[in-house]
Amino acid sequence: MRKISSLLSGLFLILVFTASVTFTYFNSDPISISVGAWQSPSQPISVWIIGAFVLGGLIGLLFGLEIFKNLKLRAENRYLNRQLDKVKKQVLQLRGKSSTDL
């Protein structure tokens, strides 16, 4: 079963490599991208498209690793700990007062 799996993986990689080489060959017209006043140097269309896919994949991996979710949970944890400290101080202050003061 492992041999079949590795064979299929190898064939898939060869297919992706062949498709990317063919795509790069047929999309070699240079273009430049301009955003506002910034203008990029001329690169083939295939470079921009492959770069967009790679960048999207990396961003997807970052979100898949839940890095941003962990940061949010840490910030919430700090906030809740500060709230808990405030409530503990209030309880200590109230315990110090006698029942006739209330």
C-alpha atoms as a PDB file:
ATOM      1  CA  MET A   1       0.000   0.000   0.000  1.00  0.00           C
ATOM      2  CA  ARG A   2       2.892   2.349   0.775  1.00  0.00           C
ATOM      3  CA  LYS A   3       4.441   1.702  -2.629  1.00  0.00           C
ATOM      4  CA  ILE A   4       1.208   2.618  -4.393  1.00  0.00           C
ATOM      5  CA  SER A   5       0.833   5.741  -2.260  1.00  0.00           C
ATOM      6  CA  SER A   6       4.391   6.882  -2.936  1.00  0.00           C
ATOM      7  CA  LEU A   7       4.008   6.102  -6.646  1.00  0.00           C
ATOM      8  CA  LEU A   8       0.823   8.178  -6.864  1.00  0.00           C
ATOM      9  CA  SER A   9       2.471  11.010  -4.944  1.00  0.00           C
ATOM     10  CA  GLY A  10       5.426  10.960  -7.305  1.00  0.00           C
ATOM     11  CA  LEU A  11       3.174  10.977 -10.354  1.00  0.00           C
ATOM     12  CA  PHE A  12       1.187  13.873  -8.931  1.00  0.00           C
ATOM     13  CA  LEU A  13       4.383  15.875  -8.307  1.00  0.00           C
ATOM     14  CA  ILE A  14       5.590  15.213 -11.843  1.00  0.00           C
ATOM     15  CA  LEU A  15       2.195  16.306 -13.184  1.00  0.00           C
ATOM     16  CA  VAL A  16       2.251  19.535 -11.151  1.00  0.00           C
ATOM     17  CA  PHE A  17       5.828  20.254 -12.244  1.00  0.00           C
ATOM     18  CA  THR A  18       4.951  19.677 -15.911  1.00  0.00           C
ATOM     19  CA  ALA A  19       1.855  21.858 -15.653  1.00  0.00           C
ATOM     20  CA  SER A  20       3.811  24.683 -13.994  1.00  0.00           C
ATOM     21  CA  VAL A  21       6.578  24.572 -16.619  1.00  0.00           C
ATOM     22  CA  THR A  22       3.981  24.611 -19.410  1.00  0.00           C
ATOM     23  CA  PHE A  23       2.097  27.455 -17.733  1.00  0.00           C
ATOM     24  CA  THR A  24       5.311  29.457 -17.349  1.00  0.00           C
ATOM     25  CA  TYR A  25       6.257  28.874 -20.995  1.00  0.00           C
ATOM     26  CA  PHE A  26       2.926  30.061 -22.389  1.00  0.00           C
ATOM     27  CA  ASN A  27       2.562  33.057 -20.024  1.00  0.00           C
ATOM     28  CA  SER A  28       5.884  34.803 -20.504  1.00  0.00           C
ATOM     29  CA  ASP A  29       4.606  38.266 -21.506  1.00  0.00           C
ATOM     30  CA  PRO A  30       6.107  40.849 -19.142  1.00  0.00           C
ATOM     31  CA  ILE A  31       3.722  43.134 -17.260  1.00  0.00           C
ATOM     32  CA  SER A  32       4.143  45.628 -14.448  1.00  0.00           C
ATOM     33  CA  ILE A  33       1.657  46.147 -11.654  1.00  0.00           C
ATOM     34  CA  SER A  34       0.946  49.647 -10.398  1.00  0.00           C
ATOM     35  CA  VAL A  35      -0.775  50.432  -7.116  1.00  0.00           C
ATOM     36  CA  GLY A  36      -1.221  54.145  -6.553  1.00  0.00           C
ATOM     37  CA  ALA A  37       2.136  55.836  -7.142  1.00  0.00           C
ATOM     38  CA  TRP A  38       4.086  52.578  -6.739  1.00  0.00           C
ATOM     39  CA  GLN A  39       4.922  50.592  -9.871  1.00  0.00           C
ATOM     40  CA  SER A  40       6.573  47.205  -9.871  1.00  0.00           C
ATOM     41  CA  PRO A  41       9.308  46.141 -12.275  1.00  0.00           C
ATOM     42  CA  SER A  42       8.171  44.204 -15.324  1.00  0.00           C
ATOM     43  CA  GLN A  43       7.877  40.475 -14.672  1.00  0.00           C
ATOM     44  CA  PRO A  44       6.260  37.672 -16.674  1.00  0.00           C
ATOM     45  CA  ILE A  45       2.587  37.034 -15.953  1.00  0.00           C
ATOM     46  CA  SER A  46       3.403  33.565 -14.671  1.00  0.00           C
ATOM     47  CA  VAL A  47       5.655  35.030 -11.942  1.00  0.00           C
ATOM     48  CA  TRP A  48       2.814  37.214 -10.633  1.00  0.00           C
ATOM     49  CA  ILE A  49       0.254  34.393 -10.709  1.00  0.00           C
ATOM     50  CA  ILE A  50       2.529  31.789  -9.118  1.00  0.00           C
ATOM     51  CA  GLY A  51       3.611  34.379  -6.543  1.00  0.00           C
ATOM     52  CA  ALA A  52      -0.037  35.065  -5.688  1.00  0.00           C
ATOM     53  CA  PHE A  53      -0.684  31.342  -5.198  1.00  0.00           C
ATOM     54  CA  VAL A  54       2.399  30.946  -3.000  1.00  0.00           C
ATOM     55  CA  LEU A  55       1.489  34.004  -0.916  1.00  0.00           C
ATOM     56  CA  GLY A  56      -2.082  32.741  -0.530  1.00  0.00           C
ATOM     57  CA  GLY A  57      -0.805  29.340   0.537  1.00  0.00           C
ATOM     58  CA  LEU A  58       1.478  30.858   3.168  1.00  0.00           C
ATOM     59  CA  ILE A  59      -1.312  33.034   4.540  1.00  0.00           C
ATOM     60  CA  GLY A  60      -3.574  29.983   4.621  1.00  0.00           C
ATOM     61  CA  LEU A  61      -0.951  28.061   6.580  1.00  0.00           C
ATOM     62  CA  LEU A  62      -0.654  30.888   9.098  1.00  0.00           C
ATOM     63  CA  PHE A  63      -4.389  30.896   9.673  1.00  0.00           C
ATOM     64  CA  GLY A  64      -4.420  27.109   9.732  1.00  0.00           C
ATOM     65  CA  LEU A  65      -1.835  27.075  12.504  1.00  0.00           C
ATOM     66  CA  GLU A  66      -4.167  29.274  14.570  1.00  0.00           C
ATOM     67  CA  ILE A  67      -1.385  31.712  15.430  1.00  0.00           C
ATOM     68  CA  PHE A  68      -3.780  34.633  15.418  1.00  0.00           C
ATOM     69  CA  LYS A  69      -6.345  32.758  17.504  1.00  0.00           C
ATOM     70  CA  ASN A  70      -3.681  32.035  20.142  1.00  0.00           C
ATOM     71  CA  LEU A  71      -2.746  35.723  20.256  1.00  0.00           C
ATOM     72  CA  LYS A  72      -6.385  36.649  20.788  1.00  0.00           C
ATOM     73  CA  LEU A  73      -6.770  34.067  23.554  1.00  0.00           C
ATOM     74  CA  ARG A  74      -3.641  35.344  25.327  1.00  0.00           C
ATOM     75  CA  ALA A  75      -4.944  38.925  25.236  1.00  0.00           C
ATOM     76  CA  GLU A  76      -8.307  37.778  26.600  1.00  0.00           C
ATOM     77  CA  ASN A  77      -6.540  35.813  29.335  1.00  0.00           C
ATOM     78  CA  ARG A  78      -4.587  38.917  30.423  1.00  0.00           C
ATOM     79  CA  TYR A  79      -7.802  40.970  30.460  1.00  0.00           C
ATOM     80  CA  LEU A  80      -9.636  38.389  32.581  1.00  0.00           C
ATOM     81  CA  ASN A  81      -6.720  38.134  35.018  1.00  0.00           C
ATOM     82  CA  ARG A  82      -6.789  41.924  35.495  1.00  0.00           C
ATOM     83  CA  GLN A  83     -10.544  41.784  36.122  1.00  0.00           C
ATOM     84  CA  LEU A  84     -10.031  38.978  38.644  1.00  0.00           C
ATOM     85  CA  ASP A  85      -7.415  41.030  40.509  1.00  0.00           C
ATOM     86  CA  LYS A  86      -9.830  43.981  40.722  1.00  0.00           C
ATOM     87  CA  VAL A  87     -12.601  41.793  42.100  1.00  0.00           C
ATOM     88  CA  LYS A  88     -10.249  40.227  44.666  1.00  0.00           C
ATOM     89  CA  LYS A  89      -9.259  43.701  45.885  1.00  0.00           C
ATOM     90  CA  GLN A  90     -12.925  44.677  46.193  1.00  0.00           C
ATOM     91  CA  VAL A  91     -13.697  41.530  48.191  1.00  0.00           C
ATOM     92  CA  LEU A  92     -10.801  42.242  50.558  1.00  0.00           C
ATOM     93  CA  GLN A  93     -12.026  45.814  51.041  1.00  0.00           C
ATOM     94  CA  LEU A  94     -15.585  44.651  51.771  1.00  0.00           C
ATOM     95  CA  ARG A  95     -14.377  42.034  54.252  1.00  0.00           C
ATOM     96  CA  GLY A  96     -12.526  44.761  56.112  1.00  0.00           C
ATOM     97  CA  LYS A  97     -15.735  46.681  56.731  1.00  0.00           C
ATOM     98  CA  SER A  98     -18.081  45.617  59.482  1.00  0.00           C
ATOM     99  CA  SER A  99     -21.680  44.625  58.806  1.00  0.00           C
ATOM    100  CA  THR A 100     -22.964  47.830  60.446  1.00  0.00           C
ATOM    101  CA  ASP A 101     -21.067  49.932  57.854  1.00  0.00           C
ATOM    102  CA  LEU A 102     -23.079  48.332  55.074  1.00  0.00           C
END
